[in-house]
Amino acid sequence: MNSINTTHPLTHGLRDLRAPANAAALQTGADSGTLAANDFASVFKTMLAGVNRSQQHATRQAESFDLGQNQDLAGVMIAQQHARLAFQTTLQVRNKMISAYQDIMNMPI
């Protein structure tokens, strides 16, 4: 029976982001802002690449099932749901980031 991985690369990326962000907060000068920005950008790019791989894997499994090469319908459905959830999570993170940016931009100075 297939096991379902309930963890998402996003959660791993956010957990890993805490340590460099704390280290960057302890630094002084201009380097602290760029270090945190580069780390977040790399985590976000890694997350997007993972979502892309998940969607491509689900597509390949569905195509192989359609061609009769793969007989595991449950595996195909799980891969599609995993890809969908990964995309929805990424979409929600993007929406929260945009909302936070807009809130900051609308703050009175």
PDB file of N, CA and C in Angstrom:
ATOM      1  N   MET A   1       0.848  -1.176   0.000  1.00  0.00           N
ATOM      2  CA  MET A   1       0.000   0.000   0.000  1.00  0.00           C
ATOM      3  C   MET A   1       0.887   1.231   0.000  1.00  0.00           C
ATOM      4  N   ASN A   2       0.467   2.253  -0.696  1.00  0.00           N
ATOM      5  CA  ASN A   2       1.242   3.485  -0.775  1.00  0.00           C
ATOM      6  C   ASN A   2       1.109   4.273   0.515  1.00  0.00           C
ATOM      7  N   SER A   3       2.203   4.874   0.919  1.00  0.00           N
ATOM      8  CA  SER A   3       2.148   5.754   2.074  1.00  0.00           C
ATOM      9  C   SER A   3       2.064   7.189   1.577  1.00  0.00           C
ATOM     10  N   ILE A   4       1.353   7.999   2.324  1.00  0.00           N
ATOM     11  CA  ILE A   4       1.170   9.394   1.944  1.00  0.00           C
ATOM     12  C   ILE A   4       2.080  10.240   2.810  1.00  0.00           C
ATOM     13  N   ASN A   5       2.889  11.047   2.168  1.00  0.00           N
ATOM     14  CA  ASN A   5       3.770  11.951   2.883  1.00  0.00           C
ATOM     15  C   ASN A   5       2.982  13.210   3.214  1.00  0.00           C
ATOM     16  N   THR A   6       2.760  13.444   4.508  1.00  0.00           N
ATOM     17  CA  THR A   6       1.939  14.581   4.911  1.00  0.00           C
ATOM     18  C   THR A   6       2.747  15.847   5.060  1.00  0.00           C
ATOM     19  N   THR A   7       4.045  15.771   4.931  1.00  0.00           N
ATOM     20  CA  THR A   7       4.852  16.986   5.029  1.00  0.00           C
ATOM     21  C   THR A   7       5.020  17.587   3.650  1.00  0.00           C
ATOM     22  N   HIS A   8       5.206  18.846   3.616  1.00  0.00           N
ATOM     23  CA  HIS A   8       5.322  19.574   2.354  1.00  0.00           C
ATOM     24  C   HIS A   8       6.670  20.281   2.339  1.00  0.00           C
ATOM     25  N   PRO A   9       7.297  20.408   1.194  1.00  0.00           N
ATOM     26  CA  PRO A   9       8.578  21.109   1.140  1.00  0.00           C
ATOM     27  C   PRO A   9       8.505  22.526   1.700  1.00  0.00           C
ATOM     28  N   LEU A  10       7.334  23.145   1.631  1.00  0.00           N
ATOM     29  CA  LEU A  10       7.184  24.486   2.164  1.00  0.00           C
ATOM     30  C   LEU A  10       7.455  24.504   3.658  1.00  0.00           C
ATOM     31  N   THR A  11       6.906  23.522   4.386  1.00  0.00           N
ATOM     32  CA  THR A  11       7.112  23.516   5.829  1.00  0.00           C
ATOM     33  C   THR A  11       8.566  23.275   6.170  1.00  0.00           C
ATOM     34  N   HIS A  12       9.247  22.423   5.408  1.00  0.00           N
ATOM     35  CA  HIS A  12      10.669  22.217   5.640  1.00  0.00           C
ATOM     36  C   HIS A  12      11.436  23.493   5.347  1.00  0.00           C
ATOM     37  N   GLY A  13      11.069  24.178   4.287  1.00  0.00           N
ATOM     38  CA  GLY A  13      11.747  25.418   3.931  1.00  0.00           C
ATOM     39  C   GLY A  13      11.560  26.492   4.985  1.00  0.00           C
ATOM     40  N   LEU A  14      10.351  26.587   5.531  1.00  0.00           N
ATOM     41  CA  LEU A  14      10.103  27.587   6.554  1.00  0.00           C
ATOM     42  C   LEU A  14      10.807  27.233   7.850  1.00  0.00           C
ATOM     43  N   ARG A  15      10.893  25.960   8.184  1.00  0.00           N
ATOM     44  CA  ARG A  15      11.639  25.562   9.372  1.00  0.00           C
ATOM     45  C   ARG A  15      13.115  25.879   9.209  1.00  0.00           C
ATOM     46  N   ASP A  16      13.651  25.606   8.028  1.00  0.00           N
ATOM     47  CA  ASP A  16      15.057  25.881   7.780  1.00  0.00           C
ATOM     48  C   ASP A  16      15.330  27.374   7.717  1.00  0.00           C
ATOM     49  N   LEU A  17      14.324  28.164   7.417  1.00  0.00           N
ATOM     50  CA  LEU A  17      14.494  29.598   7.285  1.00  0.00           C
ATOM     51  C   LEU A  17      14.698  30.265   8.640  1.00  0.00           C
ATOM     52  N   ARG A  18      14.187  29.667   9.707  1.00  0.00           N
ATOM     53  CA  ARG A  18      14.292  30.283  11.027  1.00  0.00           C
ATOM     54  C   ARG A  18      15.736  30.486  11.459  1.00  0.00           C
ATOM     55  N   ALA A  19      16.580  29.494  11.315  1.00  0.00           N
ATOM     56  CA  ALA A  19      17.958  29.601  11.796  1.00  0.00           C
ATOM     57  C   ALA A  19      18.740  30.692  11.065  1.00  0.00           C
ATOM     58  N   PRO A  20      18.752  30.763   9.731  1.00  0.00           N
ATOM     59  CA  PRO A  20      19.475  31.848   9.070  1.00  0.00           C
ATOM     60  C   PRO A  20      18.887  33.220   9.379  1.00  0.00           C
ATOM     61  N   ALA A  21      17.578  33.310   9.555  1.00  0.00           N
ATOM     62  CA  ALA A  21      16.974  34.601   9.852  1.00  0.00           C
ATOM     63  C   ALA A  21      17.410  35.080  11.235  1.00  0.00           C
ATOM     64  N   ASN A  22      17.488  34.167  12.190  1.00  0.00           N
ATOM     65  CA  ASN A  22      17.955  34.535  13.518  1.00  0.00           C
ATOM     66  C   ASN A  22      19.414  34.948  13.474  1.00  0.00           C
ATOM     67  N   ALA A  23      20.208  34.250  12.698  1.00  0.00           N
ATOM     68  CA  ALA A  23      21.616  34.601  12.575  1.00  0.00           C
ATOM     69  C   ALA A  23      21.760  35.956  11.903  1.00  0.00           C
ATOM     70  N   ALA A  24      20.920  36.245  10.920  1.00  0.00           N
ATOM     71  CA  ALA A  24      20.983  37.524  10.223  1.00  0.00           C
ATOM     72  C   ALA A  24      20.554  38.659  11.147  1.00  0.00           C
ATOM     73  N   ALA A  25      19.623  38.391  12.047  1.00  0.00           N
ATOM     74  CA  ALA A  25      19.166  39.421  12.970  1.00  0.00           C
ATOM     75  C   ALA A  25      20.270  39.810  13.947  1.00  0.00           C
ATOM     76  N   LEU A  26      21.191  38.906  14.226  1.00  0.00           N
ATOM     77  CA  LEU A  26      22.273  39.191  15.145  1.00  0.00           C
ATOM     78  C   LEU A  26      23.388  39.997  14.498  1.00  0.00           C
ATOM     79  N   GLN A  27      23.454  39.983  13.172  1.00  0.00           N
ATOM     80  CA  GLN A  27      24.491  40.716  12.473  1.00  0.00           C
ATOM     81  C   GLN A  27      24.136  42.192  12.431  1.00  0.00           C
ATOM     82  N   THR A  28      25.166  43.035  12.260  1.00  0.00           N
ATOM     83  CA  THR A  28      24.929  44.461  12.127  1.00  0.00           C
ATOM     84  C   THR A  28      25.354  44.898  10.740  1.00  0.00           C
ATOM     85  N   GLY A  29      24.781  45.971  10.265  1.00  0.00           N
ATOM     86  CA  GLY A  29      25.174  46.501   8.970  1.00  0.00           C
ATOM     87  C   GLY A  29      24.206  46.096   7.877  1.00  0.00           C
ATOM     88  N   ALA A  30      24.618  46.340   6.630  1.00  0.00           N
ATOM     89  CA  ALA A  30      23.757  46.094   5.473  1.00  0.00           C
ATOM     90  C   ALA A  30      23.690  44.617   5.110  1.00  0.00           C
ATOM     91  N   ASP A  31      24.656  43.814   5.546  1.00  0.00           N
ATOM     92  CA  ASP A  31      24.680  42.407   5.170  1.00  0.00           C
ATOM     93  C   ASP A  31      23.513  41.628   5.753  1.00  0.00           C
ATOM     94  N   SER A  32      22.996  42.043   6.888  1.00  0.00           N
ATOM     95  CA  SER A  32      21.938  41.274   7.528  1.00  0.00           C
ATOM     96  C   SER A  32      20.671  41.230   6.681  1.00  0.00           C
ATOM     97  N   GLY A  33      20.306  42.323   6.034  1.00  0.00           N
ATOM     98  CA  GLY A  33      19.105  42.345   5.197  1.00  0.00           C
ATOM     99  C   GLY A  33      19.263  41.516   3.944  1.00  0.00           C
ATOM    100  N   THR A  34      20.423  41.564   3.316  1.00  0.00           N
ATOM    101  CA  THR A  34      20.622  40.808   2.086  1.00  0.00           C
ATOM    102  C   THR A  34      20.732  39.323   2.358  1.00  0.00           C
ATOM    103  N   LEU A  35      21.301  38.954   3.511  1.00  0.00           N
ATOM    104  CA  LEU A  35      21.407  37.530   3.842  1.00  0.00           C
ATOM    105  C   LEU A  35      20.026  36.916   4.005  1.00  0.00           C
ATOM    106  N   ALA A  36      19.148  37.583   4.735  1.00  0.00           N
ATOM    107  CA  ALA A  36      17.796  37.060   4.941  1.00  0.00           C
ATOM    108  C   ALA A  36      17.021  37.040   3.625  1.00  0.00           C
ATOM    109  N   ALA A  37      17.205  38.065   2.792  1.00  0.00           N
ATOM    110  CA  ALA A  37      16.489  38.122   1.520  1.00  0.00           C
ATOM    111  C   ALA A  37      16.952  37.009   0.590  1.00  0.00           C
ATOM    112  N   ASN A  38      18.248  36.761   0.530  1.00  0.00           N
ATOM    113  CA  ASN A  38      18.753  35.693  -0.322  1.00  0.00           C
ATOM    114  C   ASN A  38      18.295  34.335   0.164  1.00  0.00           C
ATOM    115  N   ASP A  39      18.272  34.127   1.456  1.00  0.00           N
ATOM    116  CA  ASP A  39      17.828  32.845   1.981  1.00  0.00           C
ATOM    117  C   ASP A  39      16.349  32.618   1.698  1.00  0.00           C
ATOM    118  N   PHE A  40      15.519  33.634   1.891  1.00  0.00           N
ATOM    119  CA  PHE A  40      14.097  33.478   1.621  1.00  0.00           C
ATOM    120  C   PHE A  40      13.863  33.233   0.140  1.00  0.00           C
ATOM    121  N   ALA A  41      14.595  33.958  -0.687  1.00  0.00           N
ATOM    122  CA  ALA A  41      14.437  33.783  -2.132  1.00  0.00           C
ATOM    123  C   ALA A  41      14.830  32.371  -2.544  1.00  0.00           C
ATOM    124  N   SER A  42      15.908  31.847  -1.988  1.00  0.00           N
ATOM    125  CA  SER A  42      16.334  30.499  -2.359  1.00  0.00           C
ATOM    126  C   SER A  42      15.342  29.454  -1.846  1.00  0.00           C
ATOM    127  N   VAL A  43      14.789  29.676  -0.660  1.00  0.00           N
ATOM    128  CA  VAL A  43      13.784  28.744  -0.131  1.00  0.00           C
ATOM    129  C   VAL A  43      12.541  28.770  -1.011  1.00  0.00           C
ATOM    130  N   PHE A  44      12.126  29.961  -1.432  1.00  0.00           N
ATOM    131  CA  PHE A  44      10.932  30.081  -2.262  1.00  0.00           C
ATOM    132  C   PHE A  44      11.152  29.457  -3.633  1.00  0.00           C
ATOM    133  N   LYS A  45      12.346  29.650  -4.209  1.00  0.00           N
ATOM    134  CA  LYS A  45      12.647  29.035  -5.502  1.00  0.00           C
ATOM    135  C   LYS A  45      12.669  27.520  -5.387  1.00  0.00           C
ATOM    136  N   THR A  46      13.227  27.010  -4.306  1.00  0.00           N
ATOM    137  CA  THR A  46      13.255  25.565  -4.083  1.00  0.00           C
ATOM    138  C   THR A  46      11.837  25.023  -3.938  1.00  0.00           C
ATOM    139  N   MET A  47      10.996  25.770  -3.232  1.00  0.00           N
ATOM    140  CA  MET A  47       9.613  25.344  -3.057  1.00  0.00           C
ATOM    141  C   MET A  47       8.885  25.312  -4.402  1.00  0.00           C
ATOM    142  N   LEU A  48       9.081  26.333  -5.217  1.00  0.00           N
ATOM    143  CA  LEU A  48       8.432  26.366  -6.530  1.00  0.00           C
ATOM    144  C   LEU A  48       8.925  25.235  -7.425  1.00  0.00           C
ATOM    145  N   ALA A  49      10.213  24.935  -7.350  1.00  0.00           N
ATOM    146  CA  ALA A  49      10.756  23.824  -8.138  1.00  0.00           C
ATOM    147  C   ALA A  49      10.145  22.505  -7.678  1.00  0.00           C
ATOM    148  N   GLY A  50       9.946  22.336  -6.384  1.00  0.00           N
ATOM    149  CA  GLY A  50       9.321  21.128  -5.864  1.00  0.00           C
ATOM    150  C   GLY A  50       7.880  20.980  -6.318  1.00  0.00           C
ATOM    151  N   VAL A  51       7.150  22.082  -6.344  1.00  0.00           N
ATOM    152  CA  VAL A  51       5.768  22.060  -6.822  1.00  0.00           C
ATOM    153  C   VAL A  51       5.741  21.686  -8.299  1.00  0.00           C
ATOM    154  N   ASN A  52       6.657  22.244  -9.058  1.00  0.00           N
ATOM    155  CA  ASN A  52       6.738  21.936 -10.484  1.00  0.00           C
ATOM    156  C   ASN A  52       7.038  20.456 -10.705  1.00  0.00           C
ATOM    157  N   ARG A  53       8.003  19.912  -9.958  1.00  0.00           N
ATOM    158  CA  ARG A  53       8.328  18.475 -10.070  1.00  0.00           C
ATOM    159  C   ARG A  53       7.131  17.618  -9.707  1.00  0.00           C
ATOM    160  N   SER A  54       6.405  18.015  -8.678  1.00  0.00           N
ATOM    161  CA  SER A  54       5.227  17.260  -8.248  1.00  0.00           C
ATOM    162  C   SER A  54       4.155  17.249  -9.340  1.00  0.00           C
ATOM    163  N   GLN A  55       3.934  18.378  -9.975  1.00  0.00           N
ATOM    164  CA  GLN A  55       2.942  18.448 -11.044  1.00  0.00           C
ATOM    165  C   GLN A  55       3.386  17.653 -12.270  1.00  0.00           C
ATOM    166  N   GLN A  56       4.654  17.716 -12.606  1.00  0.00           N
ATOM    167  CA  GLN A  56       5.149  16.946 -13.744  1.00  0.00           C
ATOM    168  C   GLN A  56       5.067  15.447 -13.472  1.00  0.00           C
ATOM    169  N   HIS A  57       5.374  15.042 -12.236  1.00  0.00           N
ATOM    170  CA  HIS A  57       5.285  13.627 -11.870  1.00  0.00           C
ATOM    171  C   HIS A  57       3.846  13.134 -11.983  1.00  0.00           C
ATOM    172  N   ALA A  58       2.903  13.941 -11.485  1.00  0.00           N
ATOM    173  CA  ALA A  58       1.486  13.561 -11.564  1.00  0.00           C
ATOM    174  C   ALA A  58       1.038  13.455 -13.020  1.00  0.00           C
ATOM    175  N   THR A  59       1.503  14.364 -13.854  1.00  0.00           N
ATOM    176  CA  THR A  59       1.140  14.325 -15.271  1.00  0.00           C
ATOM    177  C   THR A  59       1.711  13.086 -15.944  1.00  0.00           C
ATOM    178  N   ARG A  60       2.977  12.764 -15.654  1.00  0.00           N
ATOM    179  CA  ARG A  60       3.589  11.562 -16.245  1.00  0.00           C
ATOM    180  C   ARG A  60       2.871  10.296 -15.795  1.00  0.00           C
ATOM    181  N   GLN A  61       2.488  10.232 -14.519  1.00  0.00           N
ATOM    182  CA  GLN A  61       1.773   9.050 -14.038  1.00  0.00           C
ATOM    183  C   GLN A  61       0.407   8.926 -14.698  1.00  0.00           C
ATOM    184  N   ALA A  62      -0.295  10.040 -14.860  1.00  0.00           N
ATOM    185  CA  ALA A  62      -1.608  10.003 -15.502  1.00  0.00           C
ATOM    186  C   ALA A  62      -1.482   9.577 -16.961  1.00  0.00           C
ATOM    187  N   GLU A  63      -0.458  10.074 -17.647  1.00  0.00           N
ATOM    188  CA  GLU A  63      -0.254   9.692 -19.045  1.00  0.00           C
ATOM    189  C   GLU A  63       0.097   8.207 -19.166  1.00  0.00           C
ATOM    190  N   SER A  64       0.935   7.714 -18.251  1.00  0.00           N
ATOM    191  CA  SER A  64       1.282   6.295 -18.319  1.00  0.00           C
ATOM    192  C   SER A  64       0.078   5.413 -17.984  1.00  0.00           C
ATOM    193  N   PHE A  65      -0.801   5.891 -17.115  1.00  0.00           N
ATOM    194  CA  PHE A  65      -2.025   5.140 -16.816  1.00  0.00           C
ATOM    195  C   PHE A  65      -2.944   5.125 -18.034  1.00  0.00           C
ATOM    196  N   ASP A  66      -3.045   6.269 -18.706  1.00  0.00           N
ATOM    197  CA  ASP A  66      -3.878   6.348 -19.909  1.00  0.00           C
ATOM    198  C   ASP A  66      -3.371   5.426 -21.015  1.00  0.00           C
ATOM    199  N   LEU A  67      -2.061   5.274 -21.097  1.00  0.00           N
ATOM    200  CA  LEU A  67      -1.475   4.404 -22.123  1.00  0.00           C
ATOM    201  C   LEU A  67      -1.477   2.935 -21.731  1.00  0.00           C
ATOM    202  N   GLY A  68      -1.870   2.650 -20.488  1.00  0.00           N
ATOM    203  CA  GLY A  68      -1.928   1.267 -20.031  1.00  0.00           C
ATOM    204  C   GLY A  68      -0.615   0.750 -19.478  1.00  0.00           C
ATOM    205  N   GLN A  69       0.374   1.610 -19.331  1.00  0.00           N
ATOM    206  CA  GLN A  69       1.667   1.189 -18.799  1.00  0.00           C
ATOM    207  C   GLN A  69       1.634   1.060 -17.284  1.00  0.00           C
ATOM    208  N   ASN A  70       0.807   1.826 -16.628  1.00  0.00           N
ATOM    209  CA  ASN A  70       0.716   1.838 -15.171  1.00  0.00           C
ATOM    210  C   ASN A  70      -0.695   1.415 -14.785  1.00  0.00           C
ATOM    211  N   GLN A  71      -0.824   0.460 -13.896  1.00  0.00           N
ATOM    212  CA  GLN A  71      -2.138  -0.033 -13.487  1.00  0.00           C
ATOM    213  C   GLN A  71      -2.534   0.442 -12.093  1.00  0.00           C
ATOM    214  N   ASP A  72      -1.754   1.350 -11.505  1.00  0.00           N
ATOM    215  CA  ASP A  72      -1.994   1.810 -10.137  1.00  0.00           C
ATOM    216  C   ASP A  72      -2.814   3.102 -10.149  1.00  0.00           C
ATOM    217  N   LEU A  73      -4.143   2.951 -10.211  1.00  0.00           N
ATOM    218  CA  LEU A  73      -5.024   4.111 -10.249  1.00  0.00           C
ATOM    219  C   LEU A  73      -4.933   4.898  -8.946  1.00  0.00           C
ATOM    220  N   ALA A  74      -4.844   4.217  -7.828  1.00  0.00           N
ATOM    221  CA  ALA A  74      -4.746   4.909  -6.540  1.00  0.00           C
ATOM    222  C   ALA A  74      -3.477   5.755  -6.478  1.00  0.00           C
ATOM    223  N   GLY A  75      -2.373   5.232  -6.976  1.00  0.00           N
ATOM    224  CA  GLY A  75      -1.124   5.989  -6.997  1.00  0.00           C
ATOM    225  C   GLY A  75      -1.222   7.225  -7.866  1.00  0.00           C
ATOM    226  N   VAL A  76      -1.918   7.098  -8.993  1.00  0.00           N
ATOM    227  CA  VAL A  76      -2.109   8.236  -9.889  1.00  0.00           C
ATOM    228  C   VAL A  76      -2.949   9.303  -9.197  1.00  0.00           C
ATOM    229  N   MET A  77      -4.019   8.882  -8.559  1.00  0.00           N
ATOM    230  CA  MET A  77      -4.892   9.840  -7.872  1.00  0.00           C
ATOM    231  C   MET A  77      -4.171  10.511  -6.708  1.00  0.00           C
ATOM    232  N   ILE A  78      -3.366   9.759  -5.980  1.00  0.00           N
ATOM    233  CA  ILE A  78      -2.611  10.340  -4.863  1.00  0.00           C
ATOM    234  C   ILE A  78      -1.596  11.353  -5.382  1.00  0.00           C
ATOM    235  N   ALA A  79      -0.924  11.026  -6.469  1.00  0.00           N
ATOM    236  CA  ALA A  79       0.050  11.958  -7.050  1.00  0.00           C
ATOM    237  C   ALA A  79      -0.639  13.241  -7.510  1.00  0.00           C
ATOM    238  N   GLN A  80      -1.821  13.113  -8.100  1.00  0.00           N
ATOM    239  CA  GLN A  80      -2.550  14.300  -8.546  1.00  0.00           C
ATOM    240  C   GLN A  80      -2.996  15.151  -7.363  1.00  0.00           C
ATOM    241  N   GLN A  81      -3.462  14.508  -6.304  1.00  0.00           N
ATOM    242  CA  GLN A  81      -3.885  15.260  -5.121  1.00  0.00           C
ATOM    243  C   GLN A  81      -2.684  15.927  -4.441  1.00  0.00           C
ATOM    244  N   HIS A  82      -1.560  15.227  -4.406  1.00  0.00           N
ATOM    245  CA  HIS A  82      -0.343  15.801  -3.824  1.00  0.00           C
ATOM    246  C   HIS A  82       0.073  17.046  -4.610  1.00  0.00           C
ATOM    247  N   ALA A  83       0.030  16.970  -5.921  1.00  0.00           N
ATOM    248  CA  ALA A  83       0.382  18.111  -6.764  1.00  0.00           C
ATOM    249  C   ALA A  83      -0.602  19.258  -6.558  1.00  0.00           C
ATOM    250  N   ARG A  84      -1.875  18.921  -6.445  1.00  0.00           N
ATOM    251  CA  ARG A  84      -2.884  19.953  -6.237  1.00  0.00           C
ATOM    252  C   ARG A  84      -2.685  20.653  -4.902  1.00  0.00           C
ATOM    253  N   LEU A  85      -2.441  19.883  -3.846  1.00  0.00           N
ATOM    254  CA  LEU A  85      -2.228  20.471  -2.531  1.00  0.00           C
ATOM    255  C   LEU A  85      -0.958  21.317  -2.491  1.00  0.00           C
ATOM    256  N   ALA A  86       0.085  20.851  -3.151  1.00  0.00           N
ATOM    257  CA  ALA A  86       1.331  21.624  -3.199  1.00  0.00           C
ATOM    258  C   ALA A  86       1.095  22.951  -3.901  1.00  0.00           C
ATOM    259  N   PHE A  87       0.351  22.930  -4.994  1.00  0.00           N
ATOM    260  CA  PHE A  87       0.061  24.162  -5.725  1.00  0.00           C
ATOM    261  C   PHE A  87      -0.815  25.090  -4.900  1.00  0.00           C
ATOM    262  N   GLN A  88      -1.843  24.551  -4.248  1.00  0.00           N
ATOM    263  CA  GLN A  88      -2.731  25.377  -3.428  1.00  0.00           C
ATOM    264  C   GLN A  88      -1.976  26.006  -2.258  1.00  0.00           C
ATOM    265  N   THR A  89      -1.064  25.250  -1.655  1.00  0.00           N
ATOM    266  CA  THR A  89      -0.257  25.797  -0.563  1.00  0.00           C
ATOM    267  C   THR A  89       0.615  26.939  -1.060  1.00  0.00           C
ATOM    268  N   THR A  90       1.234  26.753  -2.205  1.00  0.00           N
ATOM    269  CA  THR A  90       2.066  27.800  -2.791  1.00  0.00           C
ATOM    270  C   THR A  90       1.229  29.032  -3.120  1.00  0.00           C
ATOM    271  N   LEU A  91       0.062  28.818  -3.642  1.00  0.00           N
ATOM    272  CA  LEU A  91      -0.833  29.918  -3.975  1.00  0.00           C
ATOM    273  C   LEU A  91      -1.234  30.694  -2.721  1.00  0.00           C
ATOM    274  N   GLN A  92      -1.535  29.987  -1.643  1.00  0.00           N
ATOM    275  CA  GLN A  92      -1.921  30.652  -0.399  1.00  0.00           C
ATOM    276  C   GLN A  92      -0.755  31.421   0.210  1.00  0.00           C
ATOM    277  N   VAL A  93       0.456  30.870   0.121  1.00  0.00           N
ATOM    278  CA  VAL A  93       1.635  31.580   0.624  1.00  0.00           C
ATOM    279  C   VAL A  93       1.832  32.861  -0.186  1.00  0.00           C
ATOM    280  N   ARG A  94       1.687  32.768  -1.490  1.00  0.00           N
ATOM    281  CA  ARG A  94       1.812  33.954  -2.342  1.00  0.00           C
ATOM    282  C   ARG A  94       0.772  35.001  -1.977  1.00  0.00           C
ATOM    283  N   ASN A  95      -0.466  34.560  -1.760  1.00  0.00           N
ATOM    284  CA  ASN A  95      -1.531  35.502  -1.407  1.00  0.00           C
ATOM    285  C   ASN A  95      -1.248  36.181  -0.066  1.00  0.00           C
ATOM    286  N   LYS A  96      -0.742  35.427   0.901  1.00  0.00           N
ATOM    287  CA  LYS A  96      -0.411  36.010   2.206  1.00  0.00           C
ATOM    288  C   LYS A  96       0.742  36.997   2.083  1.00  0.00           C
ATOM    289  N   MET A  97       1.730  36.677   1.251  1.00  0.00           N
ATOM    290  CA  MET A  97       2.854  37.588   1.052  1.00  0.00           C
ATOM    291  C   MET A  97       2.382  38.888   0.408  1.00  0.00           C
ATOM    292  N   ILE A  98       1.525  38.801  -0.567  1.00  0.00           N
ATOM    293  CA  ILE A  98       0.998  40.002  -1.222  1.00  0.00           C
ATOM    294  C   ILE A  98       0.171  40.819  -0.242  1.00  0.00           C
ATOM    295  N   SER A  99      -0.635  40.152   0.552  1.00  0.00           N
ATOM    296  CA  SER A  99      -1.451  40.846   1.547  1.00  0.00           C
ATOM    297  C   SER A  99      -0.571  41.556   2.574  1.00  0.00           C
ATOM    298  N   ALA A 100       0.476  40.885   3.043  1.00  0.00           N
ATOM    299  CA  ALA A 100       1.385  41.508   4.008  1.00  0.00           C
ATOM    300  C   ALA A 100       2.092  42.706   3.387  1.00  0.00           C
ATOM    301  N   TYR A 101       2.511  42.577   2.142  1.00  0.00           N
ATOM    302  CA  TYR A 101       3.161  43.692   1.444  1.00  0.00           C
ATOM    303  C   TYR A 101       2.216  44.874   1.326  1.00  0.00           C
ATOM    304  N   GLN A 102       0.969  44.616   0.955  1.00  0.00           N
ATOM    305  CA  GLN A 102      -0.002  45.696   0.816  1.00  0.00           C
ATOM    306  C   GLN A 102      -0.290  46.351   2.162  1.00  0.00           C
ATOM    307  N   ASP A 103      -0.371  45.556   3.228  1.00  0.00           N
ATOM    308  CA  ASP A 103      -0.583  46.115   4.565  1.00  0.00           C
ATOM    309  C   ASP A 103       0.566  47.023   4.959  1.00  0.00           C
ATOM    310  N   ILE A 104       1.783  46.600   4.674  1.00  0.00           N
ATOM    311  CA  ILE A 104       2.951  47.417   5.018  1.00  0.00           C
ATOM    312  C   ILE A 104       2.963  48.699   4.195  1.00  0.00           C
ATOM    313  N   MET A 105       2.638  48.589   2.913  1.00  0.00           N
ATOM    314  CA  MET A 105       2.636  49.777   2.053  1.00  0.00           C
ATOM    315  C   MET A 105       1.535  50.765   2.440  1.00  0.00           C
ATOM    316  N   ASN A 106       0.439  50.300   3.027  1.00  0.00           N
ATOM    317  CA  ASN A 106      -0.662  51.174   3.413  1.00  0.00           C
ATOM    318  C   ASN A 106      -0.524  51.745   4.818  1.00  0.00           C
ATOM    319  N   MET A 107       0.539  51.371   5.528  1.00  0.00           N
ATOM    320  CA  MET A 107       0.744  51.907   6.878  1.00  0.00           C
ATOM    321  C   MET A 107       1.111  53.380   6.803  1.00  0.00           C
ATOM    322  N   PRO A 108       0.504  54.177   7.684  1.00  0.00           N
ATOM    323  CA  PRO A 108       0.911  55.593   7.705  1.00  0.00           C
ATOM    324  C   PRO A 108       2.275  55.743   8.355  1.00  0.00           C
ATOM    325  N   ILE A 109       3.031  56.674   7.824  1.00  0.00           N
ATOM    326  CA  ILE A 109       4.387  56.874   8.362  1.00  0.00           C
ATOM    327  C   ILE A 109       4.365  58.029   9.342  1.00  0.00           C
TER     328      ILE A 109
END
